[in-house]
Amino acid sequence: MYRFLIILCCFIFTFLGCVKEQEKAVAFITVTSPAGFPQPKVFVNFYIASNNIRKGSVDTTLQTDIYGHCEYVRYQECFLDVLALKQSDKDSTKTLAGSISIRMIPGETVSKTIVIR
């Protein structure tokens, strides 16, 4: 019985030691005003706009922090469109927006700035 447990433990430790952690693809987005001021509480939507890819395969919305930053992590390579939206502080009927496209590659960090107007 003990031999079986020892062999099982050796197998488990060997197997777990060989498992490689999957690399992350990180998008670090900063949202600013045209004057360069960080924009907090902006909704940032990451999505794929393609007729060849199933809709909704990537559709994530995050909100920027007080420094205008948000971070999105994936484990597969992809091209994403990023849309930033914020209701105007001066006119509640107006929405400020900006967009970019990014390529996410596992093991790399993409840092981009979106200017909302």
PDB file of N, CA and C in Angstrom:
ATOM      1  N   MET A   1       0.825  -1.201   0.000  1.00  0.00           N
ATOM      2  CA  MET A   1       0.000   0.000   0.000  1.00  0.00           C
ATOM      3  C   MET A   1       0.873   1.271   0.000  1.00  0.00           C
ATOM      4  N   TYR A   2       1.938   1.252   0.807  1.00  0.00           N
ATOM      5  CA  TYR A   2       2.788   2.432   0.889  1.00  0.00           C
ATOM      6  C   TYR A   2       3.546   2.672  -0.417  1.00  0.00           C
ATOM      7  N   ARG A   3       3.936   1.579  -1.093  1.00  0.00           N
ATOM      8  CA  ARG A   3       4.615   1.732  -2.376  1.00  0.00           C
ATOM      9  C   ARG A   3       3.710   2.444  -3.379  1.00  0.00           C
ATOM     10  N   PHE A   4       2.448   2.072  -3.397  1.00  0.00           N
ATOM     11  CA  PHE A   4       1.487   2.706  -4.295  1.00  0.00           C
ATOM     12  C   PHE A   4       1.379   4.202  -4.010  1.00  0.00           C
ATOM     13  N   LEU A   5       1.293   4.564  -2.717  1.00  0.00           N
ATOM     14  CA  LEU A   5       1.194   5.983  -2.355  1.00  0.00           C
ATOM     15  C   LEU A   5       2.458   6.747  -2.736  1.00  0.00           C
ATOM     16  N   ILE A   6       3.616   6.120  -2.523  1.00  0.00           N
ATOM     17  CA  ILE A   6       4.872   6.782  -2.869  1.00  0.00           C
ATOM     18  C   ILE A   6       4.954   6.988  -4.384  1.00  0.00           C
ATOM     19  N   ILE A   7       4.595   5.961  -5.153  1.00  0.00           N
ATOM     20  CA  ILE A   7       4.610   6.083  -6.616  1.00  0.00           C
ATOM     21  C   ILE A   7       3.609   7.131  -7.076  1.00  0.00           C
ATOM     22  N   LEU A   8       2.431   7.142  -6.475  1.00  0.00           N
ATOM     23  CA  LEU A   8       1.413   8.135  -6.820  1.00  0.00           C
ATOM     24  C   LEU A   8       1.901   9.545  -6.515  1.00  0.00           C
ATOM     25  N   CYS A   9       2.506   9.743  -5.354  1.00  0.00           N
ATOM     26  CA  CYS A   9       3.025  11.073  -4.988  1.00  0.00           C
ATOM     27  C   CYS A   9       4.133  11.515  -5.951  1.00  0.00           C
ATOM     28  N   CYS A  10       5.031  10.605  -6.291  1.00  0.00           N
ATOM     29  CA  CYS A  10       6.102  10.941  -7.240  1.00  0.00           C
ATOM     30  C   CYS A  10       5.522  11.333  -8.593  1.00  0.00           C
ATOM     31  N   PHE A  11       4.523  10.587  -9.046  1.00  0.00           N
ATOM     32  CA  PHE A  11       3.885  10.893 -10.319  1.00  0.00           C
ATOM     33  C   PHE A  11       3.228  12.273 -10.281  1.00  0.00           C
ATOM     34  N   ILE A  12       2.507  12.567  -9.215  1.00  0.00           N
ATOM     35  CA  ILE A  12       1.814  13.857  -9.095  1.00  0.00           C
ATOM     36  C   ILE A  12       2.812  15.003  -9.075  1.00  0.00           C
ATOM     37  N   PHE A  13       3.888  14.897  -8.281  1.00  0.00           N
ATOM     38  CA  PHE A  13       4.870  15.969  -8.209  1.00  0.00           C
ATOM     39  C   PHE A  13       5.597  16.150  -9.543  1.00  0.00           C
ATOM     40  N   THR A  14       5.874  15.037 -10.227  1.00  0.00           N
ATOM     41  CA  THR A  14       6.518  15.127 -11.539  1.00  0.00           C
ATOM     42  C   THR A  14       5.592  15.801 -12.536  1.00  0.00           C
ATOM     43  N   PHE A  15       4.336  15.405 -12.549  1.00  0.00           N
ATOM     44  CA  PHE A  15       3.381  15.976 -13.486  1.00  0.00           C
ATOM     45  C   PHE A  15       3.157  17.459 -13.206  1.00  0.00           C
ATOM     46  N   LEU A  16       2.976  17.821 -11.945  1.00  0.00           N
ATOM     47  CA  LEU A  16       2.734  19.230 -11.610  1.00  0.00           C
ATOM     48  C   LEU A  16       3.958  20.087 -11.880  1.00  0.00           C
ATOM     49  N   GLY A  17       5.141  19.518 -11.753  1.00  0.00           N
ATOM     50  CA  GLY A  17       6.363  20.264 -12.032  1.00  0.00           C
ATOM     51  C   GLY A  17       6.550  20.533 -13.511  1.00  0.00           C
ATOM     52  N   CYS A  18       5.919  19.739 -14.371  1.00  0.00           N
ATOM     53  CA  CYS A  18       6.070  19.895 -15.820  1.00  0.00           C
ATOM     54  C   CYS A  18       5.009  20.795 -16.440  1.00  0.00           C
ATOM     55  N   VAL A  19       4.006  21.148 -15.678  1.00  0.00           N
ATOM     56  CA  VAL A  19       2.941  21.976 -16.225  1.00  0.00           C
ATOM     57  C   VAL A  19       3.454  23.410 -16.342  1.00  0.00           C
ATOM     58  N   LYS A  20       3.419  23.930 -17.541  1.00  0.00           N
ATOM     59  CA  LYS A  20       3.901  25.291 -17.796  1.00  0.00           C
ATOM     60  C   LYS A  20       2.748  26.279 -17.642  1.00  0.00           C
ATOM     61  N   GLU A  21       3.026  27.370 -16.937  1.00  0.00           N
ATOM     62  CA  GLU A  21       2.008  28.407 -16.769  1.00  0.00           C
ATOM     63  C   GLU A  21       1.782  29.111 -18.103  1.00  0.00           C
ATOM     64  N   GLN A  22       0.524  29.322 -18.416  1.00  0.00           N
ATOM     65  CA  GLN A  22       0.171  29.966 -19.678  1.00  0.00           C
ATOM     66  C   GLN A  22       0.547  31.447 -19.613  1.00  0.00           C
ATOM     67  N   GLU A  23       1.142  31.952 -20.692  1.00  0.00           N
ATOM     68  CA  GLU A  23       1.536  33.357 -20.731  1.00  0.00           C
ATOM     69  C   GLU A  23       0.323  34.248 -20.960  1.00  0.00           C
ATOM     70  N   LYS A  24       0.358  35.422 -20.334  1.00  0.00           N
ATOM     71  CA  LYS A  24      -0.741  36.377 -20.451  1.00  0.00           C
ATOM     72  C   LYS A  24      -0.432  37.414 -21.514  1.00  0.00           C
ATOM     73  N   ALA A  25      -1.477  37.838 -22.197  1.00  0.00           N
ATOM     74  CA  ALA A  25      -1.411  39.006 -23.072  1.00  0.00           C
ATOM     75  C   ALA A  25      -2.135  40.113 -22.320  1.00  0.00           C
ATOM     76  N   VAL A  26      -1.475  41.230 -22.096  1.00  0.00           N
ATOM     77  CA  VAL A  26      -2.032  42.305 -21.278  1.00  0.00           C
ATOM     78  C   VAL A  26      -2.192  43.571 -22.110  1.00  0.00           C
ATOM     79  N   ALA A  27      -3.351  44.192 -21.981  1.00  0.00           N
ATOM     80  CA  ALA A  27      -3.588  45.503 -22.596  1.00  0.00           C
ATOM     81  C   ALA A  27      -3.728  46.511 -21.465  1.00  0.00           C
ATOM     82  N   PHE A  28      -2.839  47.494 -21.437  1.00  0.00           N
ATOM     83  CA  PHE A  28      -2.881  48.554 -20.425  1.00  0.00           C
ATOM     84  C   PHE A  28      -3.337  49.824 -21.145  1.00  0.00           C
ATOM     85  N   ILE A  29      -4.564  50.245 -20.834  1.00  0.00           N
ATOM     86  CA  ILE A  29      -5.182  51.376 -21.528  1.00  0.00           C
ATOM     87  C   ILE A  29      -5.257  52.583 -20.602  1.00  0.00           C
ATOM     88  N   THR A  30      -4.886  53.742 -21.133  1.00  0.00           N
ATOM     89  CA  THR A  30      -5.026  55.010 -20.425  1.00  0.00           C
ATOM     90  C   THR A  30      -5.989  55.879 -21.221  1.00  0.00           C
ATOM     91  N   VAL A  31      -6.970  56.461 -20.545  1.00  0.00           N
ATOM     92  CA  VAL A  31      -7.943  57.336 -21.205  1.00  0.00           C
ATOM     93  C   VAL A  31      -7.698  58.762 -20.732  1.00  0.00           C
ATOM     94  N   THR A  32      -7.545  59.683 -21.704  1.00  0.00           N
ATOM     95  CA  THR A  32      -7.284  61.082 -21.368  1.00  0.00           C
ATOM     96  C   THR A  32      -8.243  61.994 -22.120  1.00  0.00           C
ATOM     97  N   SER A  33      -8.286  63.247 -21.658  1.00  0.00           N
ATOM     98  CA  SER A  33      -9.003  64.299 -22.375  1.00  0.00           C
ATOM     99  C   SER A  33      -8.084  64.813 -23.476  1.00  0.00           C
ATOM    100  N   PRO A  34      -8.591  65.625 -24.409  1.00  0.00           N
ATOM    101  CA  PRO A  34      -7.710  66.201 -25.440  1.00  0.00           C
ATOM    102  C   PRO A  34      -6.560  67.016 -24.846  1.00  0.00           C
ATOM    103  N   ALA A  35      -6.760  67.564 -23.648  1.00  0.00           N
ATOM    104  CA  ALA A  35      -5.708  68.344 -22.999  1.00  0.00           C
ATOM    105  C   ALA A  35      -4.706  67.448 -22.268  1.00  0.00           C
ATOM    106  N   GLY A  36      -4.951  66.120 -22.236  1.00  0.00           N
ATOM    107  CA  GLY A  36      -4.013  65.198 -21.612  1.00  0.00           C
ATOM    108  C   GLY A  36      -4.324  64.835 -20.175  1.00  0.00           C
ATOM    109  N   PHE A  37      -5.480  65.275 -19.653  1.00  0.00           N
ATOM    110  CA  PHE A  37      -5.843  64.958 -18.273  1.00  0.00           C
ATOM    111  C   PHE A  37      -6.457  63.557 -18.190  1.00  0.00           C
ATOM    112  N   PRO A  38      -6.060  62.750 -17.187  1.00  0.00           N
ATOM    113  CA  PRO A  38      -6.631  61.410 -17.044  1.00  0.00           C
ATOM    114  C   PRO A  38      -8.128  61.475 -16.790  1.00  0.00           C
ATOM    115  N   GLN A  39      -8.852  60.512 -17.343  1.00  0.00           N
ATOM    116  CA  GLN A  39     -10.310  60.487 -17.233  1.00  0.00           C
ATOM    117  C   GLN A  39     -10.767  59.275 -16.407  1.00  0.00           C
ATOM    118  N   PRO A  40     -11.195  59.514 -15.153  1.00  0.00           N
ATOM    119  CA  PRO A  40     -11.686  58.409 -14.327  1.00  0.00           C
ATOM    120  C   PRO A  40     -13.120  58.037 -14.698  1.00  0.00           C
ATOM    121  N   LYS A  41     -13.506  56.824 -14.305  1.00  0.00           N
ATOM    122  CA  LYS A  41     -14.877  56.320 -14.473  1.00  0.00           C
ATOM    123  C   LYS A  41     -15.348  56.330 -15.930  1.00  0.00           C
ATOM    124  N   VAL A  42     -14.433  56.009 -16.845  1.00  0.00           N
ATOM    125  CA  VAL A  42     -14.771  55.866 -18.256  1.00  0.00           C
ATOM    126  C   VAL A  42     -15.009  54.382 -18.519  1.00  0.00           C
ATOM    127  N   PHE A  43     -16.064  54.061 -19.254  1.00  0.00           N
ATOM    128  CA  PHE A  43     -16.332  52.676 -19.624  1.00  0.00           C
ATOM    129  C   PHE A  43     -15.503  52.329 -20.850  1.00  0.00           C
ATOM    130  N   VAL A  44     -14.695  51.279 -20.733  1.00  0.00           N
ATOM    131  CA  VAL A  44     -13.809  50.849 -21.813  1.00  0.00           C
ATOM    132  C   VAL A  44     -14.249  49.455 -22.242  1.00  0.00           C
ATOM    133  N   ASN A  45     -14.680  49.337 -23.504  1.00  0.00           N
ATOM    134  CA  ASN A  45     -15.204  48.082 -24.032  1.00  0.00           C
ATOM    135  C   ASN A  45     -14.182  47.451 -24.986  1.00  0.00           C
ATOM    136  N   PHE A  46     -13.823  46.181 -24.712  1.00  0.00           N
ATOM    137  CA  PHE A  46     -12.924  45.402 -25.555  1.00  0.00           C
ATOM    138  C   PHE A  46     -13.784  44.426 -26.347  1.00  0.00           C
ATOM    139  N   TYR A  47     -13.693  44.467 -27.672  1.00  0.00           N
ATOM    140  CA  TYR A  47     -14.549  43.609 -28.493  1.00  0.00           C
ATOM    141  C   TYR A  47     -13.882  43.317 -29.834  1.00  0.00           C
ATOM    142  N   ILE A  48     -14.420  42.322 -30.528  1.00  0.00           N
ATOM    143  CA  ILE A  48     -13.945  41.972 -31.864  1.00  0.00           C
ATOM    144  C   ILE A  48     -15.003  42.408 -32.858  1.00  0.00           C
ATOM    145  N   ALA A  49     -14.619  43.249 -33.808  1.00  0.00           N
ATOM    146  CA  ALA A  49     -15.538  43.719 -34.846  1.00  0.00           C
ATOM    147  C   ALA A  49     -15.134  43.060 -36.154  1.00  0.00           C
ATOM    148  N   SER A  50     -15.619  41.840 -36.355  1.00  0.00           N
ATOM    149  CA  SER A  50     -15.281  41.103 -37.561  1.00  0.00           C
ATOM    150  C   SER A  50     -16.455  40.238 -37.969  1.00  0.00           C
ATOM    151  N   ASN A  51     -16.700  40.155 -39.264  1.00  0.00           N
ATOM    152  CA  ASN A  51     -17.763  39.285 -39.764  1.00  0.00           C
ATOM    153  C   ASN A  51     -17.340  37.822 -39.748  1.00  0.00           C
ATOM    154  N   ASN A  52     -16.029  37.559 -39.652  1.00  0.00           N
ATOM    155  CA  ASN A  52     -15.529  36.190 -39.692  1.00  0.00           C
ATOM    156  C   ASN A  52     -15.497  35.512 -38.329  1.00  0.00           C
ATOM    157  N   ILE A  53     -15.672  36.279 -37.266  1.00  0.00           N
ATOM    158  CA  ILE A  53     -15.583  35.730 -35.912  1.00  0.00           C
ATOM    159  C   ILE A  53     -16.939  35.850 -35.241  1.00  0.00           C
ATOM    160  N   ARG A  54     -17.295  34.810 -34.503  1.00  0.00           N
ATOM    161  CA  ARG A  54     -18.581  34.774 -33.817  1.00  0.00           C
ATOM    162  C   ARG A  54     -18.731  35.994 -32.909  1.00  0.00           C
ATOM    163  N   LYS A  55     -19.844  36.683 -33.048  1.00  0.00           N
ATOM    164  CA  LYS A  55     -20.121  37.860 -32.220  1.00  0.00           C
ATOM    165  C   LYS A  55     -20.195  37.443 -30.758  1.00  0.00           C
ATOM    166  N   GLY A  56     -19.676  38.272 -29.899  1.00  0.00           N
ATOM    167  CA  GLY A  56     -19.710  37.991 -28.469  1.00  0.00           C
ATOM    168  C   GLY A  56     -18.572  37.109 -27.990  1.00  0.00           C
ATOM    169  N   SER A  57     -17.672  36.667 -28.906  1.00  0.00           N
ATOM    170  CA  SER A  57     -16.562  35.828 -28.468  1.00  0.00           C
ATOM    171  C   SER A  57     -15.644  36.611 -27.526  1.00  0.00           C
ATOM    172  N   VAL A  58     -15.542  37.902 -27.726  1.00  0.00           N
ATOM    173  CA  VAL A  58     -14.875  38.806 -26.790  1.00  0.00           C
ATOM    174  C   VAL A  58     -15.750  40.037 -26.680  1.00  0.00           C
ATOM    175  N   ASP A  59     -16.236  40.298 -25.522  1.00  0.00           N
ATOM    176  CA  ASP A  59     -17.034  41.512 -25.278  1.00  0.00           C
ATOM    177  C   ASP A  59     -16.980  41.790 -23.786  1.00  0.00           C
ATOM    178  N   THR A  60     -15.977  42.573 -23.401  1.00  0.00           N
ATOM    179  CA  THR A  60     -15.741  42.858 -21.995  1.00  0.00           C
ATOM    180  C   THR A  60     -15.694  44.360 -21.789  1.00  0.00           C
ATOM    181  N   THR A  61     -16.365  44.832 -20.756  1.00  0.00           N
ATOM    182  CA  THR A  61     -16.346  46.256 -20.424  1.00  0.00           C
ATOM    183  C   THR A  61     -15.731  46.437 -19.043  1.00  0.00           C
ATOM    184  N   LEU A  62     -14.756  47.332 -18.967  1.00  0.00           N
ATOM    185  CA  LEU A  62     -14.111  47.679 -17.704  1.00  0.00           C
ATOM    186  C   LEU A  62     -14.291  49.170 -17.467  1.00  0.00           C
ATOM    187  N   GLN A  63     -13.961  49.619 -16.274  1.00  0.00           N
ATOM    188  CA  GLN A  63     -14.055  51.046 -15.964  1.00  0.00           C
ATOM    189  C   GLN A  63     -12.682  51.529 -15.503  1.00  0.00           C
ATOM    190  N   THR A  64     -12.296  52.720 -15.955  1.00  0.00           N
ATOM    191  CA  THR A  64     -10.990  53.257 -15.580  1.00  0.00           C
ATOM    192  C   THR A  64     -10.975  53.673 -14.112  1.00  0.00           C
ATOM    193  N   ASP A  65      -9.768  53.637 -13.532  1.00  0.00           N
ATOM    194  CA  ASP A  65      -9.590  54.072 -12.149  1.00  0.00           C
ATOM    195  C   ASP A  65      -9.405  55.592 -12.099  1.00  0.00           C
ATOM    196  N   ILE A  66      -9.014  56.117 -10.953  1.00  0.00           N
ATOM    197  CA  ILE A  66      -8.894  57.578 -10.814  1.00  0.00           C
ATOM    198  C   ILE A  66      -7.759  58.161 -11.655  1.00  0.00           C
ATOM    199  N   TYR A  67      -6.868  57.297 -12.136  1.00  0.00           N
ATOM    200  CA  TYR A  67      -5.758  57.745 -12.979  1.00  0.00           C
ATOM    201  C   TYR A  67      -6.054  57.563 -14.469  1.00  0.00           C
ATOM    202  N   GLY A  68      -7.262  57.121 -14.796  1.00  0.00           N
ATOM    203  CA  GLY A  68      -7.647  56.907 -16.181  1.00  0.00           C
ATOM    204  C   GLY A  68      -7.134  55.607 -16.765  1.00  0.00           C
ATOM    205  N   HIS A  69      -6.741  54.658 -15.902  1.00  0.00           N
ATOM    206  CA  HIS A  69      -6.151  53.398 -16.353  1.00  0.00           C
ATOM    207  C   HIS A  69      -7.122  52.228 -16.207  1.00  0.00           C
ATOM    208  N   CYS A  70      -7.001  51.262 -17.101  1.00  0.00           N
ATOM    209  CA  CYS A  70      -7.631  49.953 -16.932  1.00  0.00           C
ATOM    210  C   CYS A  70      -6.732  48.920 -17.597  1.00  0.00           C
ATOM    211  N   GLU A  71      -6.858  47.686 -17.149  1.00  0.00           N
ATOM    212  CA  GLU A  71      -5.999  46.617 -17.638  1.00  0.00           C
ATOM    213  C   GLU A  71      -6.849  45.407 -17.998  1.00  0.00           C
ATOM    214  N   TYR A  72      -6.618  44.866 -19.197  1.00  0.00           N
ATOM    215  CA  TYR A  72      -7.372  43.720 -19.681  1.00  0.00           C
ATOM    216  C   TYR A  72      -6.396  42.592 -19.996  1.00  0.00           C
ATOM    217  N   VAL A  73      -6.717  41.373 -19.547  1.00  0.00           N
ATOM    218  CA  VAL A  73      -5.829  40.222 -19.709  1.00  0.00           C
ATOM    219  C   VAL A  73      -6.529  39.130 -20.510  1.00  0.00           C
ATOM    220  N   ARG A  74      -5.793  38.557 -21.478  1.00  0.00           N
ATOM    221  CA  ARG A  74      -6.258  37.390 -22.243  1.00  0.00           C
ATOM    222  C   ARG A  74      -5.100  36.411 -22.329  1.00  0.00           C
ATOM    223  N   TYR A  75      -5.412  35.200 -22.739  1.00  0.00           N
ATOM    224  CA  TYR A  75      -4.379  34.180 -22.881  1.00  0.00           C
ATOM    225  C   TYR A  75      -4.203  33.719 -24.320  1.00  0.00           C
ATOM    226  N   GLN A  76      -4.948  34.314 -25.250  1.00  0.00           N
ATOM    227  CA  GLN A  76      -4.825  33.973 -26.663  1.00  0.00           C
ATOM    228  C   GLN A  76      -4.475  35.231 -27.451  1.00  0.00           C
ATOM    229  N   GLU A  77      -3.782  35.025 -28.566  1.00  0.00           N
ATOM    230  CA  GLU A  77      -3.484  36.158 -29.438  1.00  0.00           C
ATOM    231  C   GLU A  77      -4.757  36.582 -30.150  1.00  0.00           C
ATOM    232  N   CYS A  78      -4.958  37.890 -30.279  1.00  0.00           N
ATOM    233  CA  CYS A  78      -6.135  38.391 -30.983  1.00  0.00           C
ATOM    234  C   CYS A  78      -5.960  39.867 -31.319  1.00  0.00           C
ATOM    235  N   PHE A  79      -6.777  40.309 -32.256  1.00  0.00           N
ATOM    236  CA  PHE A  79      -6.906  41.724 -32.570  1.00  0.00           C
ATOM    237  C   PHE A  79      -8.203  42.191 -31.937  1.00  0.00           C
ATOM    238  N   LEU A  80      -8.157  43.298 -31.220  1.00  0.00           N
ATOM    239  CA  LEU A  80      -9.348  43.813 -30.542  1.00  0.00           C
ATOM    240  C   LEU A  80      -9.569  45.273 -30.895  1.00  0.00           C
ATOM    241  N   ASP A  81     -10.826  45.643 -30.918  1.00  0.00           N
ATOM    242  CA  ASP A  81     -11.198  47.053 -30.975  1.00  0.00           C
ATOM    243  C   ASP A  81     -11.522  47.476 -29.553  1.00  0.00           C
ATOM    244  N   VAL A  82     -11.124  48.697 -29.214  1.00  0.00           N
ATOM    245  CA  VAL A  82     -11.328  49.206 -27.864  1.00  0.00           C
ATOM    246  C   VAL A  82     -12.064  50.533 -27.971  1.00  0.00           C
ATOM    247  N   LEU A  83     -13.201  50.619 -27.300  1.00  0.00           N
ATOM    248  CA  LEU A  83     -14.033  51.819 -27.335  1.00  0.00           C
ATOM    249  C   LEU A  83     -14.168  52.378 -25.929  1.00  0.00           C
ATOM    250  N   ALA A  84     -13.872  53.664 -25.760  1.00  0.00           N
ATOM    251  CA  ALA A  84     -14.004  54.331 -24.469  1.00  0.00           C
ATOM    252  C   ALA A  84     -15.167  55.321 -24.541  1.00  0.00           C
ATOM    253  N   LEU A  85     -16.067  55.245 -23.561  1.00  0.00           N
ATOM    254  CA  LEU A  85     -17.253  56.109 -23.523  1.00  0.00           C
ATOM    255  C   LEU A  85     -17.423  56.735 -22.149  1.00  0.00           C
ATOM    256  N   LYS A  86     -17.758  58.024 -22.142  1.00  0.00           N
ATOM    257  CA  LYS A  86     -18.013  58.731 -20.891  1.00  0.00           C
ATOM    258  C   LYS A  86     -19.045  59.818 -21.138  1.00  0.00           C
ATOM    259  N   GLN A  87     -19.964  59.951 -20.197  1.00  0.00           N
ATOM    260  CA  GLN A  87     -20.940  61.029 -20.283  1.00  0.00           C
ATOM    261  C   GLN A  87     -20.237  62.339 -19.945  1.00  0.00           C
ATOM    262  N   SER A  88     -20.501  63.361 -20.726  1.00  0.00           N
ATOM    263  CA  SER A  88     -19.856  64.657 -20.533  1.00  0.00           C
ATOM    264  C   SER A  88     -20.208  65.234 -19.168  1.00  0.00           C
ATOM    265  N   ASP A  89     -19.207  65.824 -18.496  1.00  0.00           N
ATOM    266  CA  ASP A  89     -19.434  66.470 -17.205  1.00  0.00           C
ATOM    267  C   ASP A  89     -20.212  67.780 -17.376  1.00  0.00           C
ATOM    268  N   LYS A  90     -20.052  68.440 -18.527  1.00  0.00           N
ATOM    269  CA  LYS A  90     -20.681  69.742 -18.761  1.00  0.00           C
ATOM    270  C   LYS A  90     -22.088  69.619 -19.319  1.00  0.00           C
ATOM    271  N   ASP A  91     -22.323  68.615 -20.145  1.00  0.00           N
ATOM    272  CA  ASP A  91     -23.623  68.449 -20.796  1.00  0.00           C
ATOM    273  C   ASP A  91     -24.029  66.977 -20.687  1.00  0.00           C
ATOM    274  N   SER A  92     -25.006  66.683 -19.850  1.00  0.00           N
ATOM    275  CA  SER A  92     -25.373  65.291 -19.577  1.00  0.00           C
ATOM    276  C   SER A  92     -26.001  64.578 -20.784  1.00  0.00           C
ATOM    277  N   THR A  93     -26.349  65.347 -21.832  1.00  0.00           N
ATOM    278  CA  THR A  93     -26.908  64.706 -23.024  1.00  0.00           C
ATOM    279  C   THR A  93     -25.826  64.334 -24.039  1.00  0.00           C
ATOM    280  N   LYS A  94     -24.582  64.748 -23.765  1.00  0.00           N
ATOM    281  CA  LYS A  94     -23.483  64.492 -24.687  1.00  0.00           C
ATOM    282  C   LYS A  94     -22.595  63.358 -24.160  1.00  0.00           C
ATOM    283  N   THR A  95     -22.168  62.483 -25.057  1.00  0.00           N
ATOM    284  CA  THR A  95     -21.265  61.393 -24.701  1.00  0.00           C
ATOM    285  C   THR A  95     -19.921  61.623 -25.377  1.00  0.00           C
ATOM    286  N   LEU A  96     -18.861  61.496 -24.579  1.00  0.00           N
ATOM    287  CA  LEU A  96     -17.503  61.605 -25.112  1.00  0.00           C
ATOM    288  C   LEU A  96     -17.034  60.212 -25.487  1.00  0.00           C
ATOM    289  N   ALA A  97     -16.308  60.094 -26.597  1.00  0.00           N
ATOM    290  CA  ALA A  97     -15.885  58.773 -27.063  1.00  0.00           C
ATOM    291  C   ALA A  97     -14.526  58.831 -27.733  1.00  0.00           C
ATOM    292  N   GLY A  98     -13.865  57.685 -27.741  1.00  0.00           N
ATOM    293  CA  GLY A  98     -12.607  57.506 -28.444  1.00  0.00           C
ATOM    294  C   GLY A  98     -12.403  56.020 -28.660  1.00  0.00           C
ATOM    295  N   SER A  99     -11.650  55.661 -29.689  1.00  0.00           N
ATOM    296  CA  SER A  99     -11.441  54.240 -29.950  1.00  0.00           C
ATOM    297  C   SER A  99     -10.060  53.990 -30.544  1.00  0.00           C
ATOM    298  N   ILE A 100      -9.599  52.762 -30.395  1.00  0.00           N
ATOM    299  CA  ILE A 100      -8.338  52.304 -30.973  1.00  0.00           C
ATOM    300  C   ILE A 100      -8.498  50.823 -31.319  1.00  0.00           C
ATOM    301  N   SER A 101      -7.538  50.289 -32.047  1.00  0.00           N
ATOM    302  CA  SER A 101      -7.444  48.854 -32.294  1.00  0.00           C
ATOM    303  C   SER A 101      -6.100  48.390 -31.769  1.00  0.00           C
ATOM    304  N   ILE A 102      -6.074  47.187 -31.182  1.00  0.00           N
ATOM    305  CA  ILE A 102      -4.835  46.665 -30.617  1.00  0.00           C
ATOM    306  C   ILE A 102      -4.656  45.209 -31.019  1.00  0.00           C
ATOM    307  N   ARG A 103      -3.423  44.750 -30.945  1.00  0.00           N
ATOM    308  CA  ARG A 103      -3.104  43.332 -31.140  1.00  0.00           C
ATOM    309  C   ARG A 103      -2.529  42.821 -29.824  1.00  0.00           C
ATOM    310  N   MET A 104      -3.143  41.793 -29.277  1.00  0.00           N
ATOM    311  CA  MET A 104      -2.676  41.209 -28.025  1.00  0.00           C
ATOM    312  C   MET A 104      -1.925  39.914 -28.342  1.00  0.00           C
ATOM    313  N   ILE A 105      -0.705  39.800 -27.787  1.00  0.00           N
ATOM    314  CA  ILE A 105       0.149  38.636 -28.008  1.00  0.00           C
ATOM    315  C   ILE A 105       0.560  38.095 -26.636  1.00  0.00           C
ATOM    316  N   PRO A 106       0.371  36.791 -26.382  1.00  0.00           N
ATOM    317  CA  PRO A 106       0.771  36.222 -25.101  1.00  0.00           C
ATOM    318  C   PRO A 106       2.246  36.501 -24.799  1.00  0.00           C
ATOM    319  N   GLY A 107       2.511  36.904 -23.563  1.00  0.00           N
ATOM    320  CA  GLY A 107       3.861  37.251 -23.145  1.00  0.00           C
ATOM    321  C   GLY A 107       4.204  38.712 -23.331  1.00  0.00           C
ATOM    322  N   GLU A 108       3.292  39.484 -23.932  1.00  0.00           N
ATOM    323  CA  GLU A 108       3.562  40.899 -24.179  1.00  0.00           C
ATOM    324  C   GLU A 108       2.491  41.781 -23.547  1.00  0.00           C
ATOM    325  N   THR A 109       2.879  43.027 -23.256  1.00  0.00           N
ATOM    326  CA  THR A 109       1.957  44.037 -22.743  1.00  0.00           C
ATOM    327  C   THR A 109       1.849  45.149 -23.771  1.00  0.00           C
ATOM    328  N   VAL A 110       0.616  45.477 -24.123  1.00  0.00           N
ATOM    329  CA  VAL A 110       0.352  46.572 -25.053  1.00  0.00           C
ATOM    330  C   VAL A 110      -0.122  47.759 -24.220  1.00  0.00           C
ATOM    331  N   SER A 111       0.541  48.893 -24.337  1.00  0.00           N
ATOM    332  CA  SER A 111       0.139  50.109 -23.633  1.00  0.00           C
ATOM    333  C   SER A 111      -0.308  51.130 -24.664  1.00  0.00           C
ATOM    334  N   LYS A 112      -1.557  51.561 -24.546  1.00  0.00           N
ATOM    335  CA  LYS A 112      -2.124  52.534 -25.495  1.00  0.00           C
ATOM    336  C   LYS A 112      -2.896  53.600 -24.729  1.00  0.00           C
ATOM    337  N   THR A 113      -3.020  54.769 -25.370  1.00  0.00           N
ATOM    338  CA  THR A 113      -3.808  55.864 -24.820  1.00  0.00           C
ATOM    339  C   THR A 113      -4.962  56.161 -25.759  1.00  0.00           C
ATOM    340  N   ILE A 114      -6.145  56.330 -25.170  1.00  0.00           N
ATOM    341  CA  ILE A 114      -7.322  56.730 -25.931  1.00  0.00           C
ATOM    342  C   ILE A 114      -7.686  58.141 -25.494  1.00  0.00           C
ATOM    343  N   VAL A 115      -7.837  59.030 -26.464  1.00  0.00           N
ATOM    344  CA  VAL A 115      -8.273  60.399 -26.189  1.00  0.00           C
ATOM    345  C   VAL A 115      -9.765  60.465 -26.489  1.00  0.00           C
ATOM    346  N   ILE A 116     -10.541  60.850 -25.475  1.00  0.00           N
ATOM    347  CA  ILE A 116     -11.999  60.952 -25.686  1.00  0.00           C
ATOM    348  C   ILE A 116     -12.350  62.407 -25.997  1.00  0.00           C
ATOM    349  N   ARG A 117     -13.237  62.586 -26.964  1.00  0.00           N
ATOM    350  CA  ARG A 117     -13.653  63.934 -27.400  1.00  0.00           C
ATOM    351  C   ARG A 117     -15.152  64.019 -27.391  1.00  0.00           C
TER     352      ARG A 117
END
